[in-house]
C-alpha atoms as a PDB file:
ATOM      1  CA  MET A   1      -6.829   7.440  14.109  1.00  0.00           C
ATOM      2  CA  THR A   2      -9.401   5.195  12.188  1.00  0.00           C
ATOM      3  CA  TRP A   3     -11.941   8.122  12.880  1.00  0.00           C
ATOM      4  CA  ASP A   4     -11.539  10.521   9.754  1.00  0.00           C
ATOM      5  CA  ILE A   5     -12.127  10.281   5.947  1.00  0.00           C
ATOM      6  CA  PRO A   6     -12.715   7.478   4.350  1.00  0.00           C
ATOM      7  CA  GLY A   7      -9.657   5.800   3.154  1.00  0.00           C
ATOM      8  CA  SER A   8      -7.151   8.069   5.063  1.00  0.00           C
ATOM      9  CA  LYS A   9      -4.042   7.024   6.577  1.00  0.00           C
ATOM     10  CA  GLN A  10      -4.383   5.258   9.649  1.00  0.00           C
ATOM     11  CA  LEU A  11      -0.892   5.546  11.334  1.00  0.00           C
ATOM     12  CA  ALA A  12       1.680   8.478  12.387  1.00  0.00           C
ATOM     13  CA  GLY A  13       5.372   9.053  12.704  1.00  0.00           C
ATOM     14  CA  ILE A  14       5.831  11.782  15.778  1.00  0.00           C
ATOM     15  CA  HIS A  15       9.311  13.460  15.934  1.00  0.00           C
ATOM     16  CA  VAL A  16      10.099  15.337  18.834  1.00  0.00           C
ATOM     17  CA  GLN A  17      13.401  17.521  19.598  1.00  0.00           C
ATOM     18  CA  ARG A  18      14.282  18.144  23.160  1.00  0.00           C
ATOM     19  CA  ASP A  19      15.877  21.442  24.373  1.00  0.00           C
ATOM     20  CA  LEU A  20      16.469  20.374  27.840  1.00  0.00           C
ATOM     21  CA  GLY A  21      18.960  23.673  28.366  1.00  0.00           C
ATOM     22  CA  ALA A  22      15.867  25.400  27.861  1.00  0.00           C
ATOM     23  CA  GLY A  23      12.837  23.536  29.118  1.00  0.00           C
ATOM     24  CA  THR A  24      11.269  23.130  25.719  1.00  0.00           C
ATOM     25  CA  PHE A  25      10.674  20.767  22.793  1.00  0.00           C
ATOM     26  CA  ARG A  26      10.061  20.875  18.831  1.00  0.00           C
ATOM     27  CA  LEU A  27       7.568  17.981  17.461  1.00  0.00           C
ATOM     28  CA  GLU A  28       6.867  16.313  14.063  1.00  0.00           C
ATOM     29  CA  TYR A  29       4.781  14.542  12.855  1.00  0.00           C
ATOM     30  CA  GLN A  30       3.738  12.765   9.524  1.00  0.00           C
ATOM     31  CA  ARG A  31       0.718  10.532   9.021  1.00  0.00           C
ATOM     32  CA  ALA A  32       1.237   6.864   6.844  1.00  0.00           C
ATOM     33  CA  PRO A  33      -0.728   4.410   5.665  1.00  0.00           C
ATOM     34  CA  ILE A  34       1.152   1.314   6.845  1.00  0.00           C
ATOM     35  CA  VAL A  35       3.947   0.817   9.621  1.00  0.00           C
ATOM     36  CA  ALA A  36       6.687   0.680   7.228  1.00  0.00           C
ATOM     37  CA  LEU A  37       5.962   4.021   5.816  1.00  0.00           C
ATOM     38  CA  ALA A  38       5.883   6.282   9.399  1.00  0.00           C
ATOM     39  CA  GLN A  39       9.509   4.217   9.947  1.00  0.00           C
ATOM     40  CA  ASN A  40      11.108   5.144   7.216  1.00  0.00           C
ATOM     41  CA  TRP A  41       9.952   8.744   7.269  1.00  0.00           C
ATOM     42  CA  LEU A  42      11.720   8.348  11.305  1.00  0.00           C
ATOM     43  CA  VAL A  43      14.774   6.942   9.539  1.00  0.00           C
ATOM     44  CA  SER A  44      15.439   9.563   7.804  1.00  0.00           C
ATOM     45  CA  ARG A  45      15.771  12.390  10.598  1.00  0.00           C
ATOM     46  CA  GLY A  46      17.713   9.739  12.439  1.00  0.00           C
ATOM     47  CA  ALA A  47      15.626   7.403  14.013  1.00  0.00           C
ATOM     48  CA  ASP A  48      17.594   3.913  14.617  1.00  0.00           C
ATOM     49  CA  LEU A  49      15.481   1.583  13.067  1.00  0.00           C
ATOM     50  CA  ASP A  50      15.936  -1.087  16.074  1.00  0.00           C
ATOM     51  CA  GLU A  51      14.133   1.511  17.764  1.00  0.00           C
ATOM     52  CA  VAL A  52      10.925   2.462  16.238  1.00  0.00           C
ATOM     53  CA  THR A  53      10.101  -1.145  15.167  1.00  0.00           C
ATOM     54  CA  PRO A  54       7.265  -1.950  17.242  1.00  0.00           C
ATOM     55  CA  ARG A  55       6.994  -4.902  19.698  1.00  0.00           C
ATOM     56  CA  GLY A  56       4.480  -6.663  21.093  1.00  0.00           C
ATOM     57  CA  GLU A  57       1.893  -9.590  21.992  1.00  0.00           C
ATOM     58  CA  TRP A  58      -0.805  -7.799  20.450  1.00  0.00           C
ATOM     59  CA  LEU A  59       0.352  -7.441  17.009  1.00  0.00           C
ATOM     60  CA  PRO A  60      -0.253  -9.464  14.812  1.00  0.00           C
ATOM     61  CA  THR A  61       1.834 -11.401  13.149  1.00  0.00           C
ATOM     62  CA  CYS A  62       3.327 -11.419   8.862  1.00  0.00           C
ATOM     63  CA  ASP A  63       5.202 -13.615   7.148  1.00  0.00           C
ATOM     64  CA  HIS A  64       9.451 -13.508   5.891  1.00  0.00           C
ATOM     65  CA  PRO A  65       8.350 -11.627   2.731  1.00  0.00           C
ATOM     66  CA  SER A  66       6.773  -9.453   4.648  1.00  0.00           C
ATOM     67  CA  ARG A  67       9.039  -8.841   7.253  1.00  0.00           C
ATOM     68  CA  GLU A  68      11.853  -8.184   4.022  1.00  0.00           C
ATOM     69  CA  LEU A  69       9.654  -6.067   1.946  1.00  0.00           C
ATOM     70  CA  GLU A  70       8.966  -3.991   4.897  1.00  0.00           C
ATOM     71  CA  GLN A  71      12.515  -3.404   6.116  1.00  0.00           C
ATOM     72  CA  ARG A  72      13.374  -2.424   2.145  1.00  0.00           C
ATOM     73  CA  LEU A  73      10.556   0.178   2.233  1.00  0.00           C
ATOM     74  CA  ALA A  74      11.637   1.478   5.789  1.00  0.00           C
ATOM     75  CA  GLN A  75      15.210   1.898   4.665  1.00  0.00           C
ATOM     76  CA  ALA A  76      14.136   3.051   1.185  1.00  0.00           C
ATOM     77  CA  GLY A  77      14.913   6.593   1.817  1.00  0.00           C
ATOM     78  CA  ASP A  78      12.931   9.018  -0.915  1.00  0.00           C
ATOM     79  CA  ARG A  79      13.404   6.366  -3.210  1.00  0.00           C
ATOM     80  CA  TYR A  80       9.653   6.012  -3.748  1.00  0.00           C
ATOM     81  CA  TRP A  81       7.442   8.695  -4.615  1.00  0.00           C
ATOM     82  CA  ILE A  82       3.624   8.248  -2.616  1.00  0.00           C
ATOM     83  CA  ALA A  83       1.335   9.228  -5.198  1.00  0.00           C
ATOM     84  CA  ALA A  84      -1.692   8.064  -3.304  1.00  0.00           C
ATOM     85  CA  SER A  85      -2.900   5.198  -0.656  1.00  0.00           C
ATOM     86  CA  TYR A  86      -6.184   4.020   0.556  1.00  0.00           C
ATOM     87  CA  THR A  87      -6.821   2.313   3.822  1.00  0.00           C
ATOM     88  CA  SER A  88     -10.142   0.286   4.348  1.00  0.00           C
ATOM     89  CA  ASP A  89     -11.261  -0.659   7.897  1.00  0.00           C
ATOM     90  CA  LEU A  90     -14.995  -2.061   7.303  1.00  0.00           C
ATOM     91  CA  VAL A  91     -16.794  -4.574   9.712  1.00  0.00           C
ATOM     92  CA  LEU A  92     -19.468  -6.528   7.569  1.00  0.00           C
ATOM     93  CA  ASP A  93     -22.364  -8.292   9.205  1.00  0.00           C
ATOM     94  CA  PRO A  94     -23.965 -10.155   6.607  1.00  0.00           C
ATOM     95  CA  ALA A  95     -27.495 -10.885   8.649  1.00  0.00           C
ATOM     96  CA  ARG A  96     -28.206  -7.477   8.105  1.00  0.00           C
ATOM     97  CA  SER A  97     -29.074  -7.422   4.436  1.00  0.00           C
ATOM     98  CA  SER A  98     -31.797 -10.212   5.345  1.00  0.00           C
ATOM     99  CA  GLY A  99     -32.935  -8.478   8.118  1.00  0.00           C
ATOM    100  CA  GLY A 100     -31.844 -11.020  11.243  1.00  0.00           C
ATOM    101  CA  SER A 101     -30.316 -10.768  14.748  1.00  0.00           C
ATOM    102  CA  PRO A 102     -26.890  -9.078  14.508  1.00  0.00           C
ATOM    103  CA  SER A 103     -23.875 -11.754  13.541  1.00  0.00           C
ATOM    104  CA  ALA A 104     -20.536 -13.143  16.155  1.00  0.00           C
ATOM    105  CA  ASP A 105     -17.702 -11.984  16.031  1.00  0.00           C
ATOM    106  CA  ASP A 106     -16.587 -14.812  14.384  1.00  0.00           C
ATOM    107  CA  GLN A 107     -19.606 -14.410  11.555  1.00  0.00           C
ATOM    108  CA  LEU A 108     -18.194 -11.075  10.665  1.00  0.00           C
ATOM    109  CA  VAL A 109     -16.692 -10.044   7.625  1.00  0.00           C
ATOM    110  CA  TYR A 110     -13.836  -8.520   8.406  1.00  0.00           C
ATOM    111  CA  ASP A 111     -12.754  -5.414   5.179  1.00  0.00           C
ATOM    112  CA  PHE A 112      -9.043  -4.749   6.546  1.00  0.00           C
ATOM    113  CA  ASN A 113      -5.956  -3.888   3.429  1.00  0.00           C
ATOM    114  CA  THR A 114      -4.181  -0.563   2.592  1.00  0.00           C
ATOM    115  CA  TRP A 115      -2.477  -0.012  -1.308  1.00  0.00           C
ATOM    116  CA  ILE A 116      -0.169   2.735  -1.906  1.00  0.00           C
ATOM    117  CA  ILE A 117       0.510   3.602  -5.290  1.00  0.00           C
ATOM    118  CA  ALA A 118       4.356   4.579  -5.734  1.00  0.00           C
ATOM    119  CA  GLU A 119       6.666   5.849  -8.218  1.00  0.00           C
ATOM    120  CA  ASP A 120      10.206   4.357  -8.360  1.00  0.00           C
ATOM    121  CA  GLN A 121      12.010   6.755  -8.863  1.00  0.00           C
ATOM    122  CA  ARG A 122      15.803   4.522  -9.103  1.00  0.00           C
ATOM    123  CA  PRO A 123      14.398   1.369 -10.778  1.00  0.00           C
ATOM    124  CA  GLU A 124      15.925  -1.511 -11.256  1.00  0.00           C
ATOM    125  CA  PRO A 125      17.029  -2.026 -14.634  1.00  0.00           C
ATOM    126  CA  GLY A 126      13.830  -4.509 -16.291  1.00  0.00           C
ATOM    127  CA  GLN A 127      11.868  -3.739 -13.686  1.00  0.00           C
ATOM    128  CA  HIS A 128       8.844  -1.607 -13.831  1.00  0.00           C
ATOM    129  CA  PRO A 129       8.799   2.247 -12.739  1.00  0.00           C
ATOM    130  CA  VAL A 130       5.316   2.180 -10.816  1.00  0.00           C
ATOM    131  CA  ARG A 131       4.657   0.290  -7.995  1.00  0.00           C
ATOM    132  CA  VAL A 132       1.508  -1.329  -5.769  1.00  0.00           C
ATOM    133  CA  PHE A 133       2.128  -2.174  -1.747  1.00  0.00           C
ATOM    134  CA  TYR A 134      -1.187  -3.601  -0.975  1.00  0.00           C
ATOM    135  CA  GLU A 135      -1.594  -5.067   3.322  1.00  0.00           C
ATOM    136  CA  ASP A 136      -4.271  -7.567   3.907  1.00  0.00           C
ATOM    137  CA  VAL A 137      -4.939  -7.990   7.141  1.00  0.00           C
ATOM    138  CA  ASP A 138      -6.646 -11.564   8.570  1.00  0.00           C
ATOM    139  CA  TYR A 139      -8.020  -9.630  11.956  1.00  0.00           C
ATOM    140  CA  LEU A 140      -9.345 -13.047  13.550  1.00  0.00           C
ATOM    141  CA  GLY A 141      -5.865 -14.793  12.620  1.00  0.00           C
ATOM    142  CA  ARG A 142      -4.019 -12.036  13.894  1.00  0.00           C
ATOM    143  CA  SER A 143      -1.961 -11.485  10.893  1.00  0.00           C
ATOM    144  CA  TYR A 144      -0.899  -9.623   7.894  1.00  0.00           C
ATOM    145  CA  THR A 145       1.034 -10.210   4.700  1.00  0.00           C
ATOM    146  CA  LEU A 146       2.470  -6.810   2.359  1.00  0.00           C
ATOM    147  CA  ARG A 147       3.359  -7.925  -0.830  1.00  0.00           C
ATOM    148  CA  GLU A 148       4.119  -5.955  -4.243  1.00  0.00           C
ATOM    149  CA  GLY A 149       3.604  -5.344  -7.778  1.00  0.00           C
ATOM    150  CA  GLY A 150       4.709  -3.468 -10.759  1.00  0.00           C
ATOM    151  CA  PHE A 151       3.292  -1.282 -13.433  1.00  0.00           C
ATOM    152  CA  PRO A 152       4.148   0.621 -16.180  1.00  0.00           C
ATOM    153  CA  ASP A 153       2.323   3.394 -15.551  1.00  0.00           C
ATOM    154  CA  LEU A 154       0.181   5.802 -12.805  1.00  0.00           C
ATOM    155  CA  ASP A 155      -3.302   4.531 -14.883  1.00  0.00           C
ATOM    156  CA  ALA A 156      -2.649   1.133 -15.213  1.00  0.00           C
ATOM    157  CA  ALA A 157      -1.527   0.993 -11.102  1.00  0.00           C
ATOM    158  CA  TYR A 158      -4.496   2.414 -10.058  1.00  0.00           C
ATOM    159  CA  GLU A 159      -7.070   0.625 -13.017  1.00  0.00           C
ATOM    160  CA  TRP A 160      -5.889  -2.341 -10.384  1.00  0.00           C
ATOM    161  CA  THR A 161      -6.597  -1.141  -7.454  1.00  0.00           C
ATOM    162  CA  ARG A 162     -10.348  -0.270  -8.241  1.00  0.00           C
ATOM    163  CA  ARG A 163     -10.848  -4.466  -7.705  1.00  0.00           C
ATOM    164  CA  ALA A 164      -7.481  -4.790  -5.267  1.00  0.00           C
ATOM    165  CA  SER A 165      -9.584  -7.159  -3.159  1.00  0.00           C
ATOM    166  CA  ALA A 166     -10.958  -9.538  -5.645  1.00  0.00           C
ATOM    167  CA  PRO A 167      -9.383 -13.127  -5.382  1.00  0.00           C
ATOM    168  CA  ASP A 168      -8.958 -13.086  -9.373  1.00  0.00           C
ATOM    169  CA  ASN A 169      -6.592  -9.745  -9.215  1.00  0.00           C
ATOM    170  CA  PRO A 170      -3.023 -10.864  -8.251  1.00  0.00           C
ATOM    171  CA  LEU A 171      -0.548  -8.418  -8.114  1.00  0.00           C
ATOM    172  CA  PRO A 172       1.389  -8.455 -11.794  1.00  0.00           C
ATOM    173  CA  PRO A 173       5.207  -9.041 -10.745  1.00  0.00           C
ATOM    174  CA  LEU A 174       8.167  -6.303 -10.922  1.00  0.00           C
ATOM    175  CA  LEU A 175      10.322  -6.982 -14.155  1.00  0.00           C
ATOM    176  CA  VAL A 176       8.253  -5.516 -17.672  1.00  0.00           C
ATOM    177  CA  ALA A 177       7.579  -8.455 -19.652  1.00  0.00           C
ATOM    178  CA  PRO A 178       9.856  -9.576 -22.404  1.00  0.00           C
ATOM    179  CA  PRO A 179       8.416  -7.953 -26.078  1.00  0.00           C
ATOM    180  CA  SER A 180       6.458 -10.197 -28.210  1.00  0.00           C
ATOM    181  CA  ALA A 181       7.270 -11.784 -31.598  1.00  0.00           C
ATOM    182  CA  ARG A 182       5.808  -9.217 -33.570  1.00  0.00           C
ATOM    183  CA  ALA A 183       7.411  -6.059 -31.792  1.00  0.00           C
ATOM    184  CA  ALA A 184      11.154  -7.371 -32.073  1.00  0.00           C
ATOM    185  CA  GLY A 185      10.501  -8.149 -35.600  1.00  0.00           C
ATOM    186  CA  ALA A 186       9.660  -4.509 -35.994  1.00  0.00           C
ATOM    187  CA  LEU A 187      12.278  -3.606 -33.956  1.00  0.00           C
ATOM    188  CA  ALA A 188      14.695  -5.209 -35.570  1.00  0.00           C
ATOM    189  CA  ALA A 189      13.758  -4.012 -39.076  1.00  0.00           C
ATOM    190  CA  GLY A 190      14.144  -0.522 -37.900  1.00  0.00           C
ATOM    191  CA  THR A 191      10.146  -0.043 -37.481  1.00  0.00           C
ATOM    192  CA  PRO A 192       9.158   1.645 -34.203  1.00  0.00           C
ATOM    193  CA  ALA A 193       7.200  -0.655 -31.863  1.00  0.00           C
ATOM    194  CA  ILE A 194       2.941   0.642 -30.952  1.00  0.00           C
ATOM    195  CA  SER A 195       2.992   1.351 -27.411  1.00  0.00           C
ATOM    196  CA  LEU A 196      -0.529   0.168 -25.937  1.00  0.00           C
ATOM    197  CA  SER A 197       0.478   1.710 -22.446  1.00  0.00           C
ATOM    198  CA  PRO A 198      -1.736   4.924 -21.709  1.00  0.00           C
ATOM    199  CA  PRO A 199      -0.402   7.834 -21.309  1.00  0.00           C
ATOM    200  CA  ARG A 200       1.794   9.115 -17.823  1.00  0.00           C
ATOM    201  CA  SER A 201      -0.335  10.533 -15.274  1.00  0.00           C
ATOM    202  CA  THR A 202       0.539  13.443 -12.759  1.00  0.00           C
ATOM    203  CA  SER A 203      -1.704  12.669 -10.534  1.00  0.00           C
ATOM    204  CA  VAL A 204      -3.951   9.812  -9.512  1.00  0.00           C
ATOM    205  CA  PRO A 205      -7.444  10.658  -7.887  1.00  0.00           C
ATOM    206  CA  VAL A 206      -7.697   9.174  -4.222  1.00  0.00           C
ATOM    207  CA  PRO A 207     -11.800   7.420  -3.851  1.00  0.00           C
ATOM    208  CA  ASN A 208     -13.760   8.920  -1.048  1.00  0.00           C
ATOM    209  CA  ALA A 209     -17.072   7.827  -0.086  1.00  0.00           C
ATOM    210  CA  ALA A 210     -18.507  10.070  -2.746  1.00  0.00           C
ATOM    211  CA  ASP A 211     -16.915   7.759  -5.895  1.00  0.00           C
ATOM    212  CA  GLY A 212     -19.329   5.289  -4.821  1.00  0.00           C
ATOM    213  CA  ARG A 213     -17.089   2.784  -3.951  1.00  0.00           C
ATOM    214  CA  THR A 214     -18.619  -0.473  -2.189  1.00  0.00           C
ATOM    215  CA  PRO A 215     -17.263  -2.387   0.274  1.00  0.00           C
ATOM    216  CA  ARG A 216     -16.074  -6.127  -0.977  1.00  0.00           C
ATOM    217  CA  PRO A 217     -16.350  -9.152   1.599  1.00  0.00           C
ATOM    218  CA  LYS A 218     -13.838 -11.585   1.553  1.00  0.00           C
ATOM    219  CA  SER A 219     -14.099 -14.833   2.684  1.00  0.00           C
ATOM    220  CA  ARG A 220     -11.413 -15.217   5.560  1.00  0.00           C
END
């Protein structure tokens, strides 16, 4: 489902219930930004995860951490509330800016990635309550990775996504950073610590074609 508003979810889970006696069926579907979340929706409706796992030689491969995270998301139930997502599927030709002939396929820049902002409704002790799941696709290498990072609130997570594919913008760890010596001293003395976190936002704006977002070419 790639022809839609830029950033739209490009996958869908489809649930069909057949009434063989009446010769009818009921159909539901829900769009999802990555396979694991489409699986999650189907598993919550009784599907066997093994039966809704894509298979085929044409599929891109991923590493072990990605597979573990995908399986955890597929079986997470309603643990994560999805606030926003954005899928980039840009194919950029460096020769366009110089007015030269179109580049060969292996010289094009494929900016294929997806970010998802989610709120963990049952966070583990010591972990941030907000997640960013980031899928980065190496199109020419037929592979991809899926990683997650932790954030104190939705605003901080959305700020990270503004530079999601920048090499100097790694995902932060899930664990909450320990308090500084100054903050620990203030707490020990009974003085309220100053919070530097922005107020929690109840909604996260999703970028669109009109927000000035420009493609970020990246080398493979």
